Amino acid sequence: MVVLIRRVAAALSMAGMLAAFFRLRGTGGVPPRDGGWREVSGPDLR
């Protein structure tokens, strides 16, 4: 029974560490400077 509890605790701690790693890894960075909206030329459909 103690072995099962240890395995469950180890699995939960590993899952928590992976979740924290992926959460911290996604922060920061620089937003893109180009792109966005641009005017489209074409026939006026009004």
C-alpha atoms as a PDB file:
ATOM      1  CA  MET A   1       0.000   0.000   0.000  1.00  0.00           C
ATOM      2  CA  VAL A   2       2.853   2.387   0.829  1.00  0.00           C
ATOM      3  CA  VAL A   3       4.433   1.710  -2.575  1.00  0.00           C
ATOM      4  CA  LEU A   4       1.183   2.654  -4.309  1.00  0.00           C
ATOM      5  CA  ILE A   5       0.959   5.915  -2.365  1.00  0.00           C
ATOM      6  CA  ARG A   6       4.577   6.732  -3.262  1.00  0.00           C
ATOM      7  CA  ARG A   7       3.930   6.053  -6.946  1.00  0.00           C
ATOM      8  CA  VAL A   8       0.818   8.230  -6.944  1.00  0.00           C
ATOM      9  CA  ALA A   9       2.700  11.036  -5.176  1.00  0.00           C
ATOM     10  CA  ALA A  10       5.596  10.757  -7.642  1.00  0.00           C
ATOM     11  CA  ALA A  11       3.224  10.854 -10.634  1.00  0.00           C
ATOM     12  CA  LEU A  12       1.381  13.898  -9.278  1.00  0.00           C
ATOM     13  CA  SER A  13       4.607  15.754  -8.544  1.00  0.00           C
ATOM     14  CA  MET A  14       5.964  14.994 -12.033  1.00  0.00           C
ATOM     15  CA  ALA A  15       2.707  16.223 -13.597  1.00  0.00           C
ATOM     16  CA  GLY A  16       2.897  19.402 -11.505  1.00  0.00           C
ATOM     17  CA  MET A  17       6.488  20.051 -12.542  1.00  0.00           C
ATOM     18  CA  LEU A  18       5.649  19.550 -16.213  1.00  0.00           C
ATOM     19  CA  ALA A  19       2.652  21.885 -15.958  1.00  0.00           C
ATOM     20  CA  ALA A  20       4.786  24.550 -14.262  1.00  0.00           C
ATOM     21  CA  PHE A  21       7.511  24.160 -16.890  1.00  0.00           C
ATOM     22  CA  PHE A  22       5.109  24.590 -19.795  1.00  0.00           C
ATOM     23  CA  ARG A  23       3.359  27.499 -18.095  1.00  0.00           C
ATOM     24  CA  LEU A  24       6.592  29.375 -17.411  1.00  0.00           C
ATOM     25  CA  ARG A  25       7.984  28.574 -20.835  1.00  0.00           C
ATOM     26  CA  GLY A  26       5.060  30.267 -22.577  1.00  0.00           C
ATOM     27  CA  THR A  27       5.550  33.661 -20.913  1.00  0.00           C
ATOM     28  CA  GLY A  28       7.603  36.520 -22.280  1.00  0.00           C
ATOM     29  CA  GLY A  29       8.672  36.978 -25.840  1.00  0.00           C
ATOM     30  CA  VAL A  30       8.216  39.856 -28.227  1.00  0.00           C
ATOM     31  CA  PRO A  31       4.976  40.336 -30.150  1.00  0.00           C
ATOM     32  CA  PRO A  32       5.328  40.436 -33.945  1.00  0.00           C
ATOM     33  CA  ARG A  33       6.092  43.865 -35.377  1.00  0.00           C
ATOM     34  CA  ASP A  34       4.805  43.281 -38.897  1.00  0.00           C
ATOM     35  CA  GLY A  35       1.547  41.976 -40.273  1.00  0.00           C
ATOM     36  CA  GLY A  36      -1.883  43.037 -39.129  1.00  0.00           C
ATOM     37  CA  TRP A  37      -4.621  44.694 -41.138  1.00  0.00           C
ATOM     38  CA  ARG A  38      -4.057  45.963 -44.654  1.00  0.00           C
ATOM     39  CA  GLU A  39      -6.331  47.565 -47.172  1.00  0.00           C
ATOM     40  CA  VAL A  40      -7.624  45.261 -49.887  1.00  0.00           C
ATOM     41  CA  SER A  41      -8.178  46.700 -53.299  1.00  0.00           C
ATOM     42  CA  GLY A  42     -10.937  45.354 -55.512  1.00  0.00           C
ATOM     43  CA  PRO A  43     -14.390  46.082 -56.855  1.00  0.00           C
ATOM     44  CA  ASP A  44     -16.692  48.057 -54.608  1.00  0.00           C
ATOM     45  CA  LEU A  45     -19.659  45.792 -53.773  1.00  0.00           C
ATOM     46  CA  ARG A  46     -21.927  48.350 -52.193  1.00  0.00           C
END
